[in-house]
Amino acid sequence: MILQSAIDKHRDEQDVASWWHEGCDGSPDDYAPIAMARIVGSKIAREFGEFVTWGTFDNCREHGLTVSTPGGWTFCWYEHRNSDSIHIEGCPTREVREYGPYGGESKRDTLAEFWPETYDDVAAGLAEMIRHTIEHNTVRGDLKAIGLRHGNIERENRRQWAAGTTYQ
């Protein structure tokens, strides 16, 4: 599936048109999960083009796009169910379940975590993860290390820990 088809399918699956009304700010394309899919997806598509394929996922609480790599991994990015933070998650394509490419042991065991609407950071982290799966024999720990470098919530937590304070 191409990127625009995946975005259209995601919008239809979430039935945005049925609940969006004139009182909502902007257009349905401004709804955060749709905007995030479009912005991050466009950056990934520009860098990797036809090397990746697109899909959607929905586990009833989290939803978004998936991107599958020639390196045999499938990733998703989404607003986490317990916050508005954005997470990247993924697993080898052969292990993708019907509700998405979750490879962690729990809902908090993701590859990277970002502040809301920091789409450029999400795209940069996801691009490095995709590149790694193409260029190397990848294991989850490799991708989590990339996520630690890019995930801006983790960077902020580490800065505060170093300063003797903690994130509340």
N, C-alpha and C. Protein backbone atom coordinates (compact mmCIF):
# COMPACT_ATOMS: atom_id res chain seq x y z
N MET A 1 0.84 -1.17 0.00
CA MET A 1 0.00 0.00 0.00
C MET A 1 0.90 1.24 0.00
N ILE A 2 0.50 2.27 -0.73
CA ILE A 2 1.26 3.52 -0.72
C ILE A 2 0.83 4.37 0.47
N LEU A 3 1.66 5.36 0.81
CA LEU A 3 1.41 6.17 2.00
C LEU A 3 0.03 6.82 1.99
N GLN A 4 -0.34 7.50 0.91
CA GLN A 4 -1.62 8.21 0.91
C GLN A 4 -2.79 7.25 1.09
N SER A 5 -2.71 6.08 0.50
CA SER A 5 -3.77 5.08 0.68
C SER A 5 -3.87 4.65 2.15
N ALA A 6 -2.72 4.50 2.81
CA ALA A 6 -2.73 4.12 4.23
C ALA A 6 -3.33 5.24 5.08
N ILE A 7 -2.98 6.49 4.79
CA ILE A 7 -3.55 7.62 5.54
C ILE A 7 -5.06 7.67 5.34
N ASP A 8 -5.52 7.53 4.10
CA ASP A 8 -6.96 7.54 3.82
C ASP A 8 -7.67 6.40 4.55
N LYS A 9 -7.07 5.22 4.54
CA LYS A 9 -7.66 4.07 5.23
C LYS A 9 -7.73 4.32 6.73
N HIS A 10 -6.65 4.89 7.29
CA HIS A 10 -6.62 5.21 8.72
C HIS A 10 -7.74 6.19 9.06
N ARG A 11 -7.90 7.25 8.26
CA ARG A 11 -8.95 8.24 8.49
C ARG A 11 -10.33 7.56 8.45
N ASP A 12 -10.54 6.69 7.46
CA ASP A 12 -11.82 5.98 7.34
C ASP A 12 -12.05 5.04 8.52
N GLU A 13 -11.01 4.31 8.94
CA GLU A 13 -11.16 3.37 10.06
C GLU A 13 -11.53 4.10 11.35
N GLN A 14 -11.01 5.31 11.52
CA GLN A 14 -11.32 6.08 12.73
C GLN A 14 -12.61 6.86 12.58
N ASP A 15 -13.19 6.84 11.38
CA ASP A 15 -14.48 7.48 11.09
C ASP A 15 -14.49 8.94 11.52
N VAL A 16 -13.39 9.64 11.24
CA VAL A 16 -13.25 11.03 11.65
C VAL A 16 -14.39 11.88 11.09
N ALA A 17 -14.77 11.65 9.86
CA ALA A 17 -15.80 12.47 9.22
C ALA A 17 -17.13 12.43 9.97
N SER A 18 -17.45 11.34 10.65
CA SER A 18 -18.74 11.22 11.32
C SER A 18 -18.84 12.05 12.59
N TRP A 19 -17.73 12.35 13.24
CA TRP A 19 -17.81 13.11 14.48
C TRP A 19 -17.17 14.49 14.38
N TRP A 20 -16.46 14.77 13.28
CA TRP A 20 -15.88 16.10 13.10
C TRP A 20 -16.99 17.06 12.72
N HIS A 21 -17.03 18.23 13.32
CA HIS A 21 -18.09 19.19 13.01
C HIS A 21 -17.49 20.59 12.94
N GLU A 22 -18.31 21.55 12.58
CA GLU A 22 -17.84 22.91 12.38
C GLU A 22 -17.25 23.52 13.63
N GLY A 23 -17.65 23.07 14.80
CA GLY A 23 -17.11 23.60 16.04
C GLY A 23 -15.69 23.14 16.34
N CYS A 24 -15.22 22.13 15.64
CA CYS A 24 -13.86 21.63 15.83
C CYS A 24 -12.90 22.59 15.13
N ASP A 25 -11.75 22.82 15.74
CA ASP A 25 -10.74 23.67 15.11
C ASP A 25 -10.13 22.97 13.92
N GLY A 26 -9.90 23.71 12.83
CA GLY A 26 -9.21 23.17 11.67
C GLY A 26 -10.05 22.17 10.90
N SER A 27 -9.35 21.25 10.26
CA SER A 27 -10.01 20.23 9.44
C SER A 27 -9.74 18.85 10.05
N PRO A 28 -10.43 17.82 9.57
CA PRO A 28 -10.14 16.47 10.09
C PRO A 28 -8.66 16.08 9.92
N ASP A 29 -7.98 16.66 8.94
CA ASP A 29 -6.56 16.35 8.75
C ASP A 29 -5.70 16.91 9.88
N ASP A 30 -6.26 17.84 10.69
CA ASP A 30 -5.53 18.41 11.81
C ASP A 30 -5.68 17.57 13.08
N TYR A 31 -6.59 16.60 13.09
CA TYR A 31 -6.76 15.68 14.22
C TYR A 31 -5.41 15.01 14.45
N ALA A 32 -4.89 15.07 15.67
CA ALA A 32 -3.50 14.69 15.95
C ALA A 32 -3.07 13.35 15.34
N PRO A 33 -3.82 12.25 15.51
CA PRO A 33 -3.34 11.00 14.91
C PRO A 33 -3.24 11.04 13.38
N ILE A 34 -4.13 11.78 12.73
CA ILE A 34 -4.08 11.89 11.28
C ILE A 34 -2.92 12.80 10.87
N ALA A 35 -2.77 13.93 11.57
CA ALA A 35 -1.64 14.83 11.29
C ALA A 35 -0.32 14.12 11.51
N MET A 36 -0.22 13.37 12.60
CA MET A 36 1.01 12.64 12.91
C MET A 36 1.32 11.61 11.83
N ALA A 37 0.30 10.89 11.38
CA ALA A 37 0.49 9.90 10.31
C ALA A 37 0.99 10.59 9.05
N ARG A 38 0.39 11.72 8.70
CA ARG A 38 0.75 12.43 7.48
C ARG A 38 2.17 13.02 7.57
N ILE A 39 2.48 13.70 8.66
CA ILE A 39 3.77 14.39 8.78
C ILE A 39 4.92 13.40 8.90
N VAL A 40 4.83 12.47 9.84
CA VAL A 40 5.91 11.48 10.01
C VAL A 40 6.00 10.59 8.78
N GLY A 41 4.85 10.11 8.30
CA GLY A 41 4.84 9.25 7.12
C GLY A 41 5.47 9.91 5.90
N SER A 42 5.19 11.20 5.70
CA SER A 42 5.76 11.92 4.54
C SER A 42 7.28 12.00 4.63
N LYS A 43 7.79 12.24 5.82
CA LYS A 43 9.25 12.30 5.99
C LYS A 43 9.89 10.94 5.71
N ILE A 44 9.26 9.88 6.19
CA ILE A 44 9.80 8.53 5.95
C ILE A 44 9.69 8.19 4.46
N ALA A 45 8.57 8.51 3.84
CA ALA A 45 8.39 8.22 2.41
C ALA A 45 9.41 8.97 1.56
N ARG A 46 9.71 10.22 1.91
CA ARG A 46 10.71 10.98 1.15
C ARG A 46 12.09 10.32 1.23
N GLU A 47 12.42 9.78 2.40
CA GLU A 47 13.75 9.18 2.56
C GLU A 47 13.84 7.77 1.98
N PHE A 48 12.79 6.97 2.13
CA PHE A 48 12.89 5.56 1.76
C PHE A 48 12.08 5.17 0.53
N GLY A 49 11.18 6.01 0.09
CA GLY A 49 10.42 5.77 -1.13
C GLY A 49 9.81 4.39 -1.22
N GLU A 50 10.10 3.72 -2.31
CA GLU A 50 9.51 2.40 -2.60
C GLU A 50 10.13 1.26 -1.79
N PHE A 51 11.14 1.56 -0.98
CA PHE A 51 11.77 0.52 -0.17
C PHE A 51 10.88 0.06 0.98
N VAL A 52 9.89 0.88 1.35
CA VAL A 52 9.02 0.54 2.47
C VAL A 52 7.58 0.38 1.98
N THR A 53 6.78 -0.35 2.74
CA THR A 53 5.36 -0.49 2.44
C THR A 53 4.56 -0.04 3.66
N TRP A 54 3.34 0.39 3.41
CA TRP A 54 2.52 1.04 4.42
C TRP A 54 1.28 0.23 4.75
N GLY A 55 0.81 0.36 5.96
CA GLY A 55 -0.44 -0.26 6.39
C GLY A 55 -1.01 0.52 7.56
N THR A 56 -2.04 -0.01 8.18
CA THR A 56 -2.64 0.60 9.35
C THR A 56 -2.75 -0.44 10.46
N PHE A 57 -2.93 0.05 11.68
CA PHE A 57 -3.21 -0.86 12.79
C PHE A 57 -4.18 -0.17 13.73
N ASP A 58 -4.90 -0.96 14.49
CA ASP A 58 -5.86 -0.45 15.46
C ASP A 58 -6.09 -1.54 16.50
N ASN A 59 -5.73 -1.25 17.74
CA ASN A 59 -5.97 -2.26 18.79
C ASN A 59 -7.10 -1.83 19.71
N CYS A 60 -7.95 -0.95 19.23
CA CYS A 60 -9.11 -0.39 19.94
C CYS A 60 -8.75 0.77 20.85
N ARG A 61 -7.50 0.92 21.24
CA ARG A 61 -7.09 2.06 22.07
C ARG A 61 -5.99 2.87 21.41
N GLU A 62 -5.17 2.24 20.63
CA GLU A 62 -4.10 2.91 19.90
C GLU A 62 -4.29 2.58 18.43
N HIS A 63 -3.97 3.54 17.59
CA HIS A 63 -4.17 3.33 16.16
C HIS A 63 -3.22 4.23 15.39
N GLY A 64 -2.93 3.84 14.16
CA GLY A 64 -2.05 4.64 13.33
C GLY A 64 -1.59 3.86 12.12
N LEU A 65 -0.44 4.28 11.62
CA LEU A 65 0.14 3.65 10.44
C LEU A 65 1.22 2.66 10.83
N THR A 66 1.46 1.73 9.93
CA THR A 66 2.62 0.84 10.04
C THR A 66 3.49 1.05 8.82
N VAL A 67 4.77 0.80 8.99
CA VAL A 67 5.71 0.84 7.88
C VAL A 67 6.57 -0.41 7.97
N SER A 68 6.64 -1.15 6.88
CA SER A 68 7.43 -2.39 6.83
C SER A 68 8.66 -2.16 5.99
N THR A 69 9.78 -2.72 6.46
CA THR A 69 11.07 -2.46 5.82
C THR A 69 11.57 -3.69 5.07
N PRO A 70 12.47 -3.47 4.10
CA PRO A 70 13.08 -4.62 3.44
C PRO A 70 14.00 -5.39 4.39
N GLY A 71 14.30 -4.81 5.55
CA GLY A 71 15.10 -5.49 6.56
C GLY A 71 14.29 -6.46 7.41
N GLY A 72 12.99 -6.61 7.10
CA GLY A 72 12.18 -7.60 7.80
C GLY A 72 11.53 -7.14 9.09
N TRP A 73 11.43 -5.84 9.31
CA TRP A 73 10.78 -5.31 10.50
C TRP A 73 9.57 -4.48 10.10
N THR A 74 8.58 -4.42 10.99
CA THR A 74 7.43 -3.55 10.82
C THR A 74 7.33 -2.66 12.06
N PHE A 75 7.13 -1.37 11.83
CA PHE A 75 7.05 -0.37 12.90
C PHE A 75 5.70 0.32 12.87
N CYS A 76 5.31 0.87 14.02
CA CYS A 76 4.16 1.76 14.10
C CYS A 76 4.53 2.91 15.02
N TRP A 77 3.81 4.00 14.90
CA TRP A 77 3.96 5.13 15.82
C TRP A 77 2.56 5.62 16.13
N TYR A 78 2.35 6.05 17.37
CA TYR A 78 0.99 6.32 17.83
C TYR A 78 1.01 7.12 19.13
N GLU A 79 -0.13 7.75 19.46
CA GLU A 79 -0.31 8.35 20.77
C GLU A 79 -0.60 7.21 21.75
N HIS A 80 0.16 7.16 22.83
CA HIS A 80 0.00 6.08 23.80
C HIS A 80 -1.34 6.17 24.52
N ARG A 81 -1.92 5.04 24.83
CA ARG A 81 -3.25 4.98 25.45
C ARG A 81 -3.34 5.67 26.80
N ASN A 82 -2.24 5.77 27.54
CA ASN A 82 -2.29 6.36 28.88
C ASN A 82 -1.78 7.79 28.94
N SER A 83 -1.48 8.37 27.79
CA SER A 83 -0.97 9.74 27.75
C SER A 83 -1.11 10.24 26.32
N ASP A 84 -0.66 11.44 26.09
CA ASP A 84 -0.61 11.94 24.72
C ASP A 84 0.79 11.79 24.14
N SER A 85 1.69 11.14 24.88
CA SER A 85 3.05 10.96 24.35
C SER A 85 2.99 10.02 23.14
N ILE A 86 3.95 10.20 22.26
CA ILE A 86 4.03 9.40 21.03
C ILE A 86 5.05 8.29 21.25
N HIS A 87 4.70 7.10 20.85
CA HIS A 87 5.60 5.96 20.97
C HIS A 87 5.87 5.36 19.60
N ILE A 88 7.08 4.85 19.44
CA ILE A 88 7.42 4.01 18.29
C ILE A 88 7.52 2.59 18.84
N GLU A 89 6.90 1.68 18.15
CA GLU A 89 6.98 0.27 18.52
C GLU A 89 7.21 -0.53 17.25
N GLY A 90 7.71 -1.74 17.39
CA GLY A 90 7.95 -2.58 16.22
C GLY A 90 8.42 -3.96 16.59
N CYS A 91 8.43 -4.81 15.58
CA CYS A 91 8.88 -6.19 15.76
C CYS A 91 9.20 -6.76 14.38
N PRO A 92 9.87 -7.90 14.33
CA PRO A 92 10.06 -8.54 13.03
C PRO A 92 8.70 -8.75 12.36
N THR A 93 8.64 -8.51 11.07
CA THR A 93 7.37 -8.59 10.34
C THR A 93 6.67 -9.92 10.54
N ARG A 94 7.40 -11.00 10.61
CA ARG A 94 6.78 -12.32 10.79
C ARG A 94 6.11 -12.47 12.15
N GLU A 95 6.39 -11.56 13.11
CA GLU A 95 5.81 -11.62 14.44
C GLU A 95 4.67 -10.63 14.66
N VAL A 96 4.30 -9.86 13.62
CA VAL A 96 3.22 -8.88 13.77
C VAL A 96 1.92 -9.61 14.09
N ARG A 97 1.22 -9.12 15.09
CA ARG A 97 -0.06 -9.70 15.50
C ARG A 97 -1.21 -8.95 14.83
N GLU A 98 -2.40 -9.48 14.93
CA GLU A 98 -3.55 -8.86 14.28
C GLU A 98 -3.82 -7.45 14.80
N TYR A 99 -3.36 -7.11 15.99
CA TYR A 99 -3.61 -5.79 16.57
C TYR A 99 -2.40 -4.86 16.47
N GLY A 100 -1.35 -5.27 15.77
CA GLY A 100 -0.24 -4.36 15.54
C GLY A 100 1.12 -4.97 15.77
N PRO A 101 2.16 -4.23 15.41
CA PRO A 101 3.53 -4.71 15.55
C PRO A 101 4.12 -4.42 16.92
N TYR A 102 3.59 -5.08 17.93
CA TYR A 102 4.07 -4.89 19.29
C TYR A 102 5.09 -5.98 19.61
N GLY A 103 6.30 -5.57 19.99
CA GLY A 103 7.33 -6.53 20.30
C GLY A 103 7.74 -6.52 21.76
N GLY A 104 7.22 -5.57 22.53
CA GLY A 104 7.61 -5.44 23.93
C GLY A 104 6.85 -6.37 24.84
N GLU A 105 7.31 -6.41 26.08
CA GLU A 105 6.71 -7.28 27.10
C GLU A 105 5.48 -6.65 27.74
N SER A 106 5.35 -5.32 27.66
CA SER A 106 4.21 -4.63 28.28
C SER A 106 3.88 -3.39 27.46
N LYS A 107 2.79 -2.71 27.85
CA LYS A 107 2.38 -1.52 27.12
C LYS A 107 3.40 -0.39 27.23
N ARG A 108 4.25 -0.41 28.22
CA ARG A 108 5.29 0.61 28.40
C ARG A 108 6.63 0.21 27.77
N ASP A 109 6.76 -1.02 27.35
CA ASP A 109 8.01 -1.51 26.75
C ASP A 109 7.98 -1.24 25.25
N THR A 110 8.26 0.02 24.90
CA THR A 110 8.27 0.43 23.49
C THR A 110 9.68 0.80 23.08
N LEU A 111 9.87 1.06 21.81
CA LEU A 111 11.20 1.37 21.29
C LEU A 111 11.63 2.81 21.58
N ALA A 112 10.67 3.73 21.64
CA ALA A 112 10.99 5.14 21.91
C ALA A 112 9.73 5.87 22.35
N GLU A 113 9.93 6.95 23.13
CA GLU A 113 8.81 7.76 23.61
C GLU A 113 9.15 9.23 23.39
N PHE A 114 8.17 9.99 22.91
CA PHE A 114 8.37 11.39 22.54
C PHE A 114 7.25 12.25 23.12
N TRP A 115 7.55 13.54 23.34
CA TRP A 115 6.52 14.48 23.76
C TRP A 115 5.50 14.61 22.64
N PRO A 116 4.25 14.98 22.98
CA PRO A 116 3.23 15.16 21.94
C PRO A 116 3.66 16.18 20.88
N GLU A 117 3.27 15.91 19.67
CA GLU A 117 3.45 16.80 18.52
C GLU A 117 4.91 17.09 18.17
N THR A 118 5.85 16.25 18.63
CA THR A 118 7.26 16.42 18.24
C THR A 118 7.55 15.50 17.06
N TYR A 119 6.82 15.73 15.98
CA TYR A 119 6.82 14.83 14.83
C TYR A 119 8.18 14.74 14.14
N ASP A 120 8.95 15.84 14.11
CA ASP A 120 10.27 15.78 13.48
C ASP A 120 11.19 14.82 14.23
N ASP A 121 11.13 14.86 15.56
CA ASP A 121 11.94 13.94 16.37
C ASP A 121 11.51 12.49 16.15
N VAL A 122 10.19 12.27 16.09
CA VAL A 122 9.67 10.92 15.84
C VAL A 122 10.18 10.41 14.50
N ALA A 123 10.08 11.26 13.47
CA ALA A 123 10.51 10.85 12.12
C ALA A 123 12.00 10.55 12.10
N ALA A 124 12.81 11.36 12.79
CA ALA A 124 14.26 11.12 12.81
C ALA A 124 14.59 9.79 13.49
N GLY A 125 13.95 9.51 14.61
CA GLY A 125 14.18 8.24 15.30
C GLY A 125 13.72 7.06 14.48
N LEU A 126 12.54 7.17 13.89
CA LEU A 126 12.01 6.08 13.07
C LEU A 126 12.88 5.85 11.84
N ALA A 127 13.35 6.92 11.22
CA ALA A 127 14.22 6.77 10.04
C ALA A 127 15.50 6.04 10.39
N GLU A 128 16.10 6.37 11.54
CA GLU A 128 17.33 5.67 11.93
C GLU A 128 17.04 4.19 12.21
N MET A 129 15.91 3.90 12.82
CA MET A 129 15.54 2.50 13.07
C MET A 129 15.36 1.74 11.76
N ILE A 130 14.66 2.35 10.81
CA ILE A 130 14.45 1.71 9.51
C ILE A 130 15.78 1.46 8.82
N ARG A 131 16.63 2.48 8.82
CA ARG A 131 17.96 2.35 8.20
C ARG A 131 18.74 1.20 8.83
N HIS A 132 18.66 1.10 10.15
CA HIS A 132 19.39 0.04 10.86
C HIS A 132 18.90 -1.33 10.41
N THR A 133 17.58 -1.50 10.23
CA THR A 133 17.07 -2.82 9.82
C THR A 133 17.49 -3.16 8.40
N ILE A 134 17.74 -2.16 7.59
CA ILE A 134 18.17 -2.39 6.21
C ILE A 134 19.66 -2.74 6.16
N GLU A 135 20.45 -2.08 7.00
CA GLU A 135 21.91 -2.20 6.92
C GLU A 135 22.51 -3.25 7.86
N HIS A 136 21.75 -3.71 8.85
CA HIS A 136 22.31 -4.61 9.86
C HIS A 136 21.34 -5.75 10.18
N ASN A 137 21.89 -6.81 10.76
CA ASN A 137 21.06 -7.87 11.32
C ASN A 137 20.56 -7.33 12.66
N THR A 138 19.31 -6.97 12.75
CA THR A 138 18.78 -6.18 13.86
C THR A 138 18.11 -7.03 14.92
N VAL A 139 18.36 -6.66 16.18
CA VAL A 139 17.63 -7.21 17.32
C VAL A 139 16.97 -6.04 18.05
N ARG A 140 15.96 -6.33 18.85
CA ARG A 140 15.19 -5.29 19.53
C ARG A 140 16.08 -4.34 20.34
N GLY A 141 17.09 -4.87 21.00
CA GLY A 141 17.98 -4.03 21.80
C GLY A 141 18.66 -2.95 20.98
N ASP A 142 19.01 -3.24 19.73
CA ASP A 142 19.61 -2.23 18.85
C ASP A 142 18.64 -1.07 18.65
N LEU A 143 17.38 -1.39 18.43
CA LEU A 143 16.38 -0.36 18.15
C LEU A 143 16.03 0.42 19.41
N LYS A 144 16.04 -0.23 20.56
CA LYS A 144 15.80 0.49 21.82
C LYS A 144 16.93 1.48 22.08
N ALA A 145 18.17 1.13 21.73
CA ALA A 145 19.30 2.05 21.90
C ALA A 145 19.12 3.28 21.00
N ILE A 146 18.66 3.06 19.78
CA ILE A 146 18.36 4.18 18.88
C ILE A 146 17.25 5.03 19.49
N GLY A 147 16.22 4.38 20.01
CA GLY A 147 15.12 5.09 20.64
C GLY A 147 15.56 5.94 21.82
N LEU A 148 16.52 5.44 22.60
CA LEU A 148 17.03 6.22 23.73
C LEU A 148 17.75 7.48 23.26
N ARG A 149 18.40 7.42 22.11
CA ARG A 149 19.08 8.60 21.57
C ARG A 149 18.10 9.64 21.05
N HIS A 150 17.00 9.19 20.49
CA HIS A 150 16.06 10.11 19.85
C HIS A 150 14.86 10.48 20.72
N GLY A 151 14.43 9.60 21.58
CA GLY A 151 13.22 9.84 22.37
C GLY A 151 13.40 11.03 23.30
N ASN A 152 12.66 12.11 23.07
CA ASN A 152 12.91 13.33 23.83
C ASN A 152 12.40 13.27 25.27
N ILE A 153 11.49 12.40 25.59
CA ILE A 153 11.08 12.25 26.99
C ILE A 153 12.22 11.62 27.79
N GLU A 154 12.86 10.62 27.23
CA GLU A 154 13.99 9.98 27.91
C GLU A 154 15.15 10.96 28.08
N ARG A 155 15.42 11.78 27.06
CA ARG A 155 16.49 12.79 27.18
C ARG A 155 16.20 13.75 28.32
N GLU A 156 14.95 14.21 28.41
CA GLU A 156 14.57 15.14 29.48
C GLU A 156 14.68 14.46 30.85
N ASN A 157 14.24 13.23 30.97
CA ASN A 157 14.36 12.50 32.24
C ASN A 157 15.82 12.37 32.65
N ARG A 158 16.69 12.02 31.71
CA ARG A 158 18.12 11.86 32.03
C ARG A 158 18.75 13.19 32.44
N ARG A 159 18.34 14.29 31.77
CA ARG A 159 18.86 15.61 32.13
C ARG A 159 18.44 15.95 33.56
N GLN A 160 17.19 15.69 33.90
CA GLN A 160 16.71 15.99 35.24
C GLN A 160 17.37 15.10 36.29
N TRP A 161 17.55 13.82 35.98
CA TRP A 161 18.24 12.94 36.92
C TRP A 161 19.66 13.43 37.18
N ALA A 162 20.35 13.85 36.12
CA ALA A 162 21.72 14.34 36.26
C ALA A 162 21.76 15.61 37.11
N ALA A 163 20.71 16.41 37.02
CA ALA A 163 20.64 17.66 37.80
C ALA A 163 20.12 17.42 39.22
N GLY A 164 19.78 16.18 39.54
CA GLY A 164 19.29 15.86 40.87
C GLY A 164 17.80 16.06 41.06
N THR A 165 17.09 16.28 39.97
CA THR A 165 15.63 16.40 40.04
C THR A 165 15.02 15.25 39.28
N THR A 166 13.74 15.07 39.42
CA THR A 166 13.06 14.00 38.68
C THR A 166 11.86 14.58 37.96
N TYR A 167 11.50 13.93 36.89
CA TYR A 167 10.33 14.32 36.11
C TYR A 167 9.07 13.93 36.86
N GLN A 168 8.14 14.83 36.97
CA GLN A 168 6.87 14.56 37.68
C GLN A 168 5.82 14.16 36.70
